[in-house]
Amino acid sequence: MRIGINIPKDLHQRLQPLKGSINISQICREALEARVDKYEEFVGWLDSEHAKEAIAGICDKEMQRKAIVEVDWETIGYQDAKDWVQGATLPDWDYWNRCRNHPDRSNQNFIWLHGRHVRSSKTRGEFVTPDGAKTFFQRHREYMDLIHDQDDEFWEWMHEQYDGLGPLYEWESSEQAYGRAWMTYTSAVWEMICQLRDERATELQNALLKSIENRPVPEVPERIAAEIRRGK
């Protein structure tokens, strides 16, 4: 098959002195063959198991990095709320209810941000959570520690992918997502607690009414009544 090629005018002029000593067709053919061989070699490598493993490794590393940065704070909030509910005592729930009904919004969020404050003296105290359930502050501190432990390659990737470090230090949105989920879960459980309390109160009231109904009716003993009839 014959094909034509176009070359720049200046290159054509430079080839004139060599026209009798080189085979331009052969040179073009060898160059094309080399390019095709390289392409086929590369495509063949892409189909190899080694290439698939290398690509999979790159994708896995990308996903791991994204998982570090793009944290699902809402899901974490639900899980921590579940852990809190599993270990919460009545004092924990009383504190939760006080926080929820506090007029100051910062105090409303206090329990899932810090935990319950237990005072050991007039001037000292500590924050505790049921069975060590984690708070948002603890989760966020763990997150920042994980971020700061990453290598230089991670920071380079971070700047390329997100054009800066904004997602790592976006406190407000992560706090809102976590708190919204935490309060949604615990509020639902609180409603169930209140319902159980109401049902139990109704049961006790019904039991009291039934006990009143079953009380013995006052009556004069027959012996006394007989004496009265005899005129005593």
Protein backbone atom coordinates (compact mmCIF):
# COMPACT_ATOMS: atom_id res chain seq x y z
CA MET A 1 0.00 0.00 0.00
CA ARG A 2 1.35 3.39 -0.93
CA ILE A 3 0.67 6.44 1.21
CA GLY A 4 1.83 10.00 0.91
CA ILE A 5 3.24 12.16 3.67
CA ASN A 6 3.45 15.90 4.05
CA ILE A 7 6.63 17.50 5.37
CA PRO A 8 7.56 21.15 5.93
CA LYS A 9 9.20 22.97 3.06
CA ASP A 10 12.40 23.67 4.95
CA LEU A 11 12.75 19.97 5.85
CA HIS A 12 12.28 19.04 2.17
CA GLN A 13 15.10 21.40 1.22
CA ARG A 14 17.37 19.95 3.90
CA LEU A 15 16.71 16.42 2.59
CA GLN A 16 17.87 17.22 -0.93
CA PRO A 17 21.60 16.62 -0.30
CA LEU A 18 20.76 13.21 1.21
CA LYS A 19 18.22 12.16 -1.40
CA GLY A 20 20.59 9.74 -3.18
CA SER A 21 21.98 8.12 -0.01
CA ILE A 22 18.89 7.39 2.07
CA ASN A 23 15.67 5.48 1.50
CA ILE A 24 12.99 7.84 2.70
CA SER A 25 10.28 5.20 2.34
CA GLN A 26 12.23 2.77 4.51
CA ILE A 27 12.91 5.40 7.15
CA CYS A 28 9.20 6.28 7.30
CA ARG A 29 8.25 2.62 7.42
CA GLU A 30 10.64 1.86 10.27
CA ALA A 31 9.49 4.91 12.19
CA LEU A 32 5.86 3.87 11.81
CA GLU A 33 6.65 0.30 12.80
CA ALA A 34 8.47 1.50 15.91
CA ARG A 35 5.53 3.70 16.90
CA VAL A 36 3.02 0.87 16.32
CA ASP A 37 5.22 -1.60 18.24
CA LYS A 38 5.41 0.78 21.19
CA TYR A 39 1.65 1.30 21.13
CA GLU A 40 0.91 -2.45 20.95
CA GLU A 41 3.41 -3.08 23.73
CA PHE A 42 1.72 -0.51 25.93
CA VAL A 43 -1.77 -1.82 25.18
CA GLY A 44 -0.59 -5.34 25.87
CA TRP A 45 0.85 -4.22 29.22
CA LEU A 46 -2.51 -2.69 30.14
CA ASP A 47 -4.13 -6.08 29.65
CA SER A 48 -1.58 -7.82 31.87
CA GLU A 49 -2.24 -8.84 35.47
CA HIS A 50 0.65 -6.67 36.61
CA ALA A 51 -0.97 -3.59 35.08
CA LYS A 52 -4.36 -4.45 36.57
CA GLU A 53 -2.79 -4.86 40.02
CA ALA A 54 -0.93 -1.56 39.67
CA ILE A 55 -4.08 0.30 38.57
CA ALA A 56 -6.14 -1.31 41.33
CA GLY A 57 -3.52 -0.27 43.87
CA ILE A 58 -3.66 3.33 42.67
CA CYS A 59 -7.47 3.32 42.86
CA ASP A 60 -7.43 1.80 46.34
CA LYS A 61 -4.99 4.43 47.56
CA GLU A 62 -7.15 7.15 46.03
CA MET A 63 -10.25 5.81 47.78
CA GLN A 64 -8.40 5.53 51.10
CA ARG A 65 -7.31 9.15 50.86
CA LYS A 66 -10.80 10.30 49.94
CA ALA A 67 -12.18 8.34 52.91
CA ILE A 68 -9.80 10.27 55.18
CA VAL A 69 -10.86 13.65 53.81
CA GLU A 70 -14.54 13.14 52.94
CA VAL A 71 -15.73 11.96 56.36
CA ASP A 72 -19.41 11.04 56.75
CA TRP A 73 -19.99 12.93 59.99
CA GLU A 74 -23.70 12.20 59.94
CA THR A 75 -23.16 8.44 60.03
CA ILE A 76 -20.60 8.85 62.82
CA GLY A 77 -23.13 10.94 64.75
CA TYR A 78 -25.76 8.21 64.47
CA GLN A 79 -23.30 5.54 65.63
CA ASP A 80 -22.07 7.55 68.60
CA ALA A 81 -25.68 8.34 69.57
CA LYS A 82 -26.49 4.62 69.47
CA ASP A 83 -23.49 3.86 71.71
CA TRP A 84 -24.56 6.63 74.10
CA VAL A 85 -28.13 5.29 74.31
CA GLN A 86 -26.93 1.75 74.99
CA GLY A 87 -25.07 2.85 78.13
CA ALA A 88 -27.10 5.87 79.28
CA THR A 89 -28.50 5.89 82.81
CA LEU A 90 -31.46 7.91 84.09
CA PRO A 91 -29.11 10.72 85.28
CA ASP A 92 -27.66 10.81 81.76
CA TRP A 93 -31.15 11.19 80.29
CA ASP A 94 -32.08 13.84 82.84
CA TYR A 95 -28.96 15.80 81.86
CA TRP A 96 -29.82 15.27 78.17
CA ASN A 97 -33.30 16.65 78.74
CA ARG A 98 -31.98 19.69 80.61
CA CYS A 99 -29.53 20.44 77.82
CA ARG A 100 -32.21 20.04 75.16
CA ASN A 101 -34.58 22.46 76.90
CA HIS A 102 -31.94 25.04 77.81
CA PRO A 103 -32.66 28.49 76.30
CA ASP A 104 -29.00 28.91 75.33
CA ARG A 105 -28.31 27.01 72.11
CA SER A 106 -24.68 26.38 73.05
CA ASN A 107 -25.89 24.53 76.16
CA GLN A 108 -28.37 22.54 74.05
CA ASN A 109 -25.42 21.10 72.11
CA PHE A 110 -23.25 20.62 75.18
CA ILE A 111 -23.90 16.94 75.76
CA TRP A 112 -22.91 15.63 72.32
CA LEU A 113 -19.99 18.05 72.09
CA HIS A 114 -18.49 17.34 75.53
CA GLY A 115 -20.52 14.79 77.48
CA ARG A 116 -22.14 15.12 80.91
CA HIS A 117 -20.34 17.30 83.43
CA VAL A 118 -19.96 15.59 86.79
CA ARG A 119 -18.83 17.84 89.62
CA SER A 120 -16.50 16.31 92.22
CA SER A 121 -16.23 19.47 94.30
CA LYS A 122 -17.24 23.11 94.20
CA THR A 123 -14.39 23.95 91.85
CA ARG A 124 -13.57 20.66 90.15
CA GLY A 125 -15.35 18.27 87.82
CA GLU A 126 -15.00 16.19 84.66
CA PHE A 127 -16.90 15.27 81.53
CA VAL A 128 -18.12 11.68 81.28
CA THR A 129 -20.13 9.67 78.78
CA PRO A 130 -21.98 6.36 79.27
CA ASP A 131 -19.58 3.44 78.85
CA GLY A 132 -17.05 5.75 77.20
CA ALA A 133 -19.29 6.69 74.25
CA LYS A 134 -17.43 9.21 72.09
CA THR A 135 -18.34 12.86 71.64
CA PHE A 136 -17.86 15.11 68.62
CA PHE A 137 -14.76 16.70 70.16
CA GLN A 138 -13.17 13.29 70.62
CA ARG A 139 -14.05 12.23 67.09
CA HIS A 140 -12.74 15.45 65.58
CA ARG A 141 -9.50 15.23 67.57
CA GLU A 142 -8.98 11.68 66.27
CA TYR A 143 -9.68 12.94 62.75
CA MET A 144 -7.12 15.74 63.00
CA ASP A 145 -4.51 13.39 64.47
CA LEU A 146 -5.04 11.05 61.53
CA ILE A 147 -4.68 13.92 59.06
CA HIS A 148 -1.47 15.20 60.60
CA ASP A 149 0.06 11.71 60.49
CA GLN A 150 -0.15 11.58 56.68
CA ASP A 151 2.96 11.73 54.52
CA ASP A 152 4.13 14.46 52.12
CA GLU A 153 2.62 12.64 49.14
CA PHE A 154 -0.81 12.89 50.78
CA TRP A 155 -0.49 16.68 51.19
CA GLU A 156 0.59 17.05 47.58
CA TRP A 157 -2.40 14.97 46.48
CA MET A 158 -4.63 17.04 48.77
CA HIS A 159 -3.63 20.30 47.12
CA GLU A 160 -4.14 18.84 43.65
CA GLN A 161 -7.54 17.27 44.37
CA TYR A 162 -9.12 19.97 46.53
CA ASP A 163 -7.11 23.06 45.61
CA GLY A 164 -6.11 23.59 49.21
CA LEU A 165 -6.82 22.29 52.70
CA GLY A 166 -10.34 23.65 53.16
CA PRO A 167 -12.16 20.30 53.51
CA LEU A 168 -9.81 19.21 56.30
CA TYR A 169 -10.60 22.12 58.57
CA GLU A 170 -14.28 22.67 57.79
CA TRP A 171 -15.42 22.56 61.42
CA GLU A 172 -18.89 24.08 61.19
CA SER A 173 -20.42 21.77 58.58
CA SER A 174 -19.01 18.62 60.22
CA GLU A 175 -20.26 19.74 63.63
CA GLN A 176 -23.74 20.45 62.28
CA ALA A 177 -24.01 17.11 60.46
CA TYR A 178 -22.81 15.16 63.50
CA GLY A 179 -25.04 17.04 65.97
CA ARG A 180 -28.10 16.79 63.76
CA ALA A 181 -27.75 13.02 63.49
CA TRP A 182 -26.93 12.59 67.19
CA MET A 183 -29.95 14.58 68.34
CA THR A 184 -32.27 12.92 65.80
CA TYR A 185 -31.41 9.48 67.14
CA THR A 186 -31.49 10.33 70.85
CA SER A 187 -34.70 12.37 70.47
CA ALA A 188 -36.39 9.38 68.87
CA VAL A 189 -35.31 7.18 71.79
CA TRP A 190 -36.49 9.83 74.29
CA GLU A 191 -39.96 9.80 72.71
CA MET A 192 -40.02 6.02 73.14
CA ILE A 193 -38.95 6.40 76.78
CA CYS A 194 -41.73 8.92 77.40
CA GLN A 195 -44.23 6.60 75.73
CA LEU A 196 -43.16 3.70 77.91
CA ARG A 197 -43.41 5.91 80.97
CA ASP A 198 -46.95 6.94 80.01
CA GLU A 199 -47.93 3.33 79.38
CA ARG A 200 -46.48 2.27 82.72
CA ALA A 201 -48.27 5.12 84.52
CA THR A 202 -51.53 4.07 82.87
CA GLU A 203 -50.96 0.46 83.94
CA LEU A 204 -50.35 1.54 87.53
CA GLN A 205 -53.44 3.75 87.52
CA ASN A 206 -55.58 0.92 86.15
CA ALA A 207 -54.14 -1.45 88.74
CA LEU A 208 -54.97 1.06 91.48
CA LEU A 209 -58.55 1.46 90.24
CA LYS A 210 -58.94 -2.30 90.06
CA SER A 211 -57.63 -2.72 93.59
CA ILE A 212 -60.15 -0.11 94.77
CA GLU A 213 -62.96 -1.98 93.03
CA ASN A 214 -61.88 -5.22 94.67
CA ARG A 215 -61.78 -3.81 98.16
CA PRO A 216 -64.19 -5.55 100.55
CA VAL A 217 -67.55 -3.80 100.97
CA PRO A 218 -68.06 -2.63 104.58
CA GLU A 219 -70.68 -4.73 106.39
CA VAL A 220 -71.87 -5.30 109.93
CA PRO A 221 -70.77 -8.67 111.27
CA GLU A 222 -73.66 -11.08 111.49
CA ARG A 223 -73.02 -11.68 115.20
CA ILE A 224 -73.43 -7.99 115.96
CA ALA A 225 -76.48 -7.74 113.73
CA ALA A 226 -78.09 -10.70 115.54
CA GLU A 227 -77.47 -9.12 118.92
CA ILE A 228 -79.01 -5.90 117.70
CA ARG A 229 -82.08 -7.77 116.50
CA ARG A 230 -82.44 -9.42 119.90
CA GLY A 231 -82.59 -5.97 121.37
CA LYS A 232 -79.26 -5.88 122.98
